[in-house]
Amino acid sequence: MSRRIQVTVPDQIAADLEKLAHSQGRSLSNLAAHLLEKALNEARQQGLIKNDDQTSTS
């Protein structure tokens, strides 16, 4: 399932994201989702957030 979120970024970040999305043949939304997923995977690998299967029930 997917969930829609909204973010506000500085103009230069938005412009850079649009350029990168265009160069990769992606929509801006798809690129943002990809970058967020990549950042979260890295945070999990660094132990900054737990995987769902590592969450305790206490």
N, C-alpha and C. Protein backbone atom coordinates (compact mmCIF):
# COMPACT_ATOMS: atom_id res chain seq x y z
N MET A 1 0.83 -1.16 0.00
CA MET A 1 0.00 0.00 0.00
C MET A 1 0.89 1.24 0.00
N SER A 2 0.44 2.27 -0.62
CA SER A 2 1.17 3.53 -0.65
C SER A 2 0.40 4.60 0.11
N ARG A 3 1.14 5.54 0.63
CA ARG A 3 0.53 6.65 1.37
C ARG A 3 1.07 7.95 0.82
N ARG A 4 0.23 8.92 0.65
CA ARG A 4 0.63 10.21 0.11
C ARG A 4 1.06 11.13 1.26
N ILE A 5 2.21 11.79 1.08
CA ILE A 5 2.68 12.79 2.03
C ILE A 5 3.02 14.05 1.25
N GLN A 6 3.17 15.14 1.96
CA GLN A 6 3.51 16.41 1.33
C GLN A 6 4.69 17.00 2.09
N VAL A 7 5.68 17.51 1.35
CA VAL A 7 6.84 18.14 1.97
C VAL A 7 7.08 19.50 1.33
N THR A 8 7.69 20.37 2.08
CA THR A 8 8.08 21.69 1.57
C THR A 8 9.59 21.76 1.62
N VAL A 9 10.20 22.14 0.49
CA VAL A 9 11.65 22.24 0.39
C VAL A 9 12.01 23.61 -0.19
N PRO A 10 13.23 24.06 0.07
CA PRO A 10 13.68 25.32 -0.52
C PRO A 10 13.66 25.25 -2.06
N ASP A 11 13.53 26.40 -2.69
CA ASP A 11 13.44 26.47 -4.15
C ASP A 11 14.59 25.77 -4.84
N GLN A 12 15.80 25.94 -4.36
CA GLN A 12 16.96 25.32 -5.03
C GLN A 12 16.91 23.81 -4.93
N ILE A 13 16.47 23.27 -3.81
CA ILE A 13 16.33 21.82 -3.66
C ILE A 13 15.29 21.31 -4.66
N ALA A 14 14.17 22.01 -4.75
CA ALA A 14 13.11 21.61 -5.70
C ALA A 14 13.64 21.63 -7.14
N ALA A 15 14.39 22.66 -7.48
CA ALA A 15 14.94 22.76 -8.84
C ALA A 15 15.92 21.62 -9.11
N ASP A 16 16.77 21.32 -8.13
CA ASP A 16 17.73 20.23 -8.31
C ASP A 16 17.03 18.89 -8.41
N LEU A 17 15.99 18.68 -7.61
CA LEU A 17 15.23 17.44 -7.69
C LEU A 17 14.57 17.29 -9.06
N GLU A 18 14.03 18.37 -9.58
CA GLU A 18 13.40 18.32 -10.90
C GLU A 18 14.42 17.98 -11.98
N LYS A 19 15.61 18.56 -11.89
CA LYS A 19 16.68 18.26 -12.87
C LYS A 19 17.08 16.80 -12.80
N LEU A 20 17.27 16.30 -11.57
CA LEU A 20 17.67 14.91 -11.39
C LEU A 20 16.58 13.96 -11.87
N ALA A 21 15.35 14.26 -11.54
CA ALA A 21 14.23 13.42 -11.98
C ALA A 21 14.19 13.36 -13.50
N HIS A 22 14.34 14.50 -14.14
CA HIS A 22 14.32 14.54 -15.61
C HIS A 22 15.48 13.74 -16.20
N SER A 23 16.67 13.88 -15.62
CA SER A 23 17.84 13.18 -16.15
C SER A 23 17.73 11.66 -16.00
N GLN A 24 16.93 11.22 -15.01
CA GLN A 24 16.74 9.79 -14.77
C GLN A 24 15.46 9.25 -15.39
N GLY A 25 14.71 10.11 -16.05
CA GLY A 25 13.45 9.68 -16.66
C GLY A 25 12.39 9.31 -15.64
N ARG A 26 12.44 9.94 -14.48
CA ARG A 26 11.48 9.67 -13.40
C ARG A 26 10.58 10.87 -13.20
N SER A 27 9.43 10.63 -12.61
CA SER A 27 8.61 11.75 -12.15
C SER A 27 9.25 12.29 -10.87
N LEU A 28 8.92 13.51 -10.54
CA LEU A 28 9.44 14.11 -9.31
C LEU A 28 8.97 13.29 -8.10
N SER A 29 7.73 12.87 -8.12
CA SER A 29 7.19 12.06 -7.02
C SER A 29 7.94 10.74 -6.89
N ASN A 30 8.19 10.08 -8.02
CA ASN A 30 8.90 8.80 -7.98
C ASN A 30 10.33 8.98 -7.47
N LEU A 31 10.99 10.03 -7.90
CA LEU A 31 12.35 10.29 -7.42
C LEU A 31 12.36 10.55 -5.92
N ALA A 32 11.43 11.36 -5.45
CA ALA A 32 11.37 11.66 -4.01
C ALA A 32 11.14 10.39 -3.21
N ALA A 33 10.24 9.55 -3.67
CA ALA A 33 9.98 8.28 -2.97
C ALA A 33 11.23 7.41 -2.97
N HIS A 34 11.92 7.34 -4.10
CA HIS A 34 13.15 6.55 -4.22
C HIS A 34 14.22 7.06 -3.25
N LEU A 35 14.42 8.37 -3.21
CA LEU A 35 15.45 8.94 -2.33
C LEU A 35 15.10 8.75 -0.85
N LEU A 36 13.83 8.88 -0.51
CA LEU A 36 13.42 8.65 0.87
C LEU A 36 13.63 7.19 1.27
N GLU A 37 13.26 6.28 0.38
CA GLU A 37 13.46 4.86 0.67
C GLU A 37 14.94 4.53 0.84
N LYS A 38 15.77 5.10 -0.03
CA LYS A 38 17.22 4.87 0.05
C LYS A 38 17.78 5.40 1.38
N ALA A 39 17.35 6.59 1.78
CA ALA A 39 17.82 7.18 3.03
C ALA A 39 17.38 6.35 4.23
N LEU A 40 16.15 5.85 4.20
CA LEU A 40 15.66 5.03 5.31
C LEU A 40 16.39 3.69 5.38
N ASN A 41 16.68 3.10 4.25
CA ASN A 41 17.45 1.85 4.23
C ASN A 41 18.84 2.06 4.84
N GLU A 42 19.48 3.17 4.50
CA GLU A 42 20.79 3.49 5.07
C GLU A 42 20.69 3.71 6.57
N ALA A 43 19.64 4.39 7.02
CA ALA A 43 19.44 4.63 8.46
C ALA A 43 19.24 3.30 9.19
N ARG A 44 18.52 2.38 8.57
CA ARG A 44 18.33 1.05 9.19
C ARG A 44 19.66 0.32 9.30
N GLN A 45 20.47 0.38 8.24
CA GLN A 45 21.77 -0.30 8.25
C GLN A 45 22.69 0.28 9.32
N GLN A 46 22.54 1.56 9.60
CA GLN A 46 23.36 2.22 10.62
C GLN A 46 22.77 2.04 12.02
N GLY A 47 21.64 1.37 12.11
CA GLY A 47 21.02 1.14 13.40
C GLY A 47 20.26 2.33 13.96
N LEU A 48 20.02 3.33 13.12
CA LEU A 48 19.32 4.52 13.58
C LEU A 48 17.82 4.29 13.74
N ILE A 49 17.28 3.36 12.97
CA ILE A 49 15.89 2.94 13.12
C ILE A 49 15.85 1.43 13.01
N LYS A 50 14.87 0.83 13.64
CA LYS A 50 14.77 -0.62 13.63
C LYS A 50 13.91 -1.09 12.48
N ASN A 51 14.23 -2.27 11.95
CA ASN A 51 13.36 -2.93 10.99
C ASN A 51 12.10 -3.35 11.72
N ASP A 52 10.99 -3.52 10.98
CA ASP A 52 9.74 -3.94 11.59
C ASP A 52 9.90 -5.24 12.36
N ASP A 53 10.70 -6.17 11.84
CA ASP A 53 10.87 -7.46 12.50
C ASP A 53 11.75 -7.37 13.75
N GLN A 54 12.38 -6.21 14.00
CA GLN A 54 13.21 -6.04 15.19
C GLN A 54 12.49 -5.27 16.29
N THR A 55 11.26 -4.83 16.01
CA THR A 55 10.52 -4.05 16.98
C THR A 55 10.06 -4.94 18.12
N SER A 56 10.32 -4.51 19.34
CA SER A 56 9.88 -5.30 20.49
C SER A 56 8.42 -5.01 20.79
N THR A 57 7.78 -5.95 21.46
CA THR A 57 6.37 -5.80 21.81
C THR A 57 6.18 -5.49 23.28
N SER A 58 7.22 -5.05 23.96
CA SER A 58 7.11 -4.77 25.40
C SER A 58 6.56 -3.40 25.67
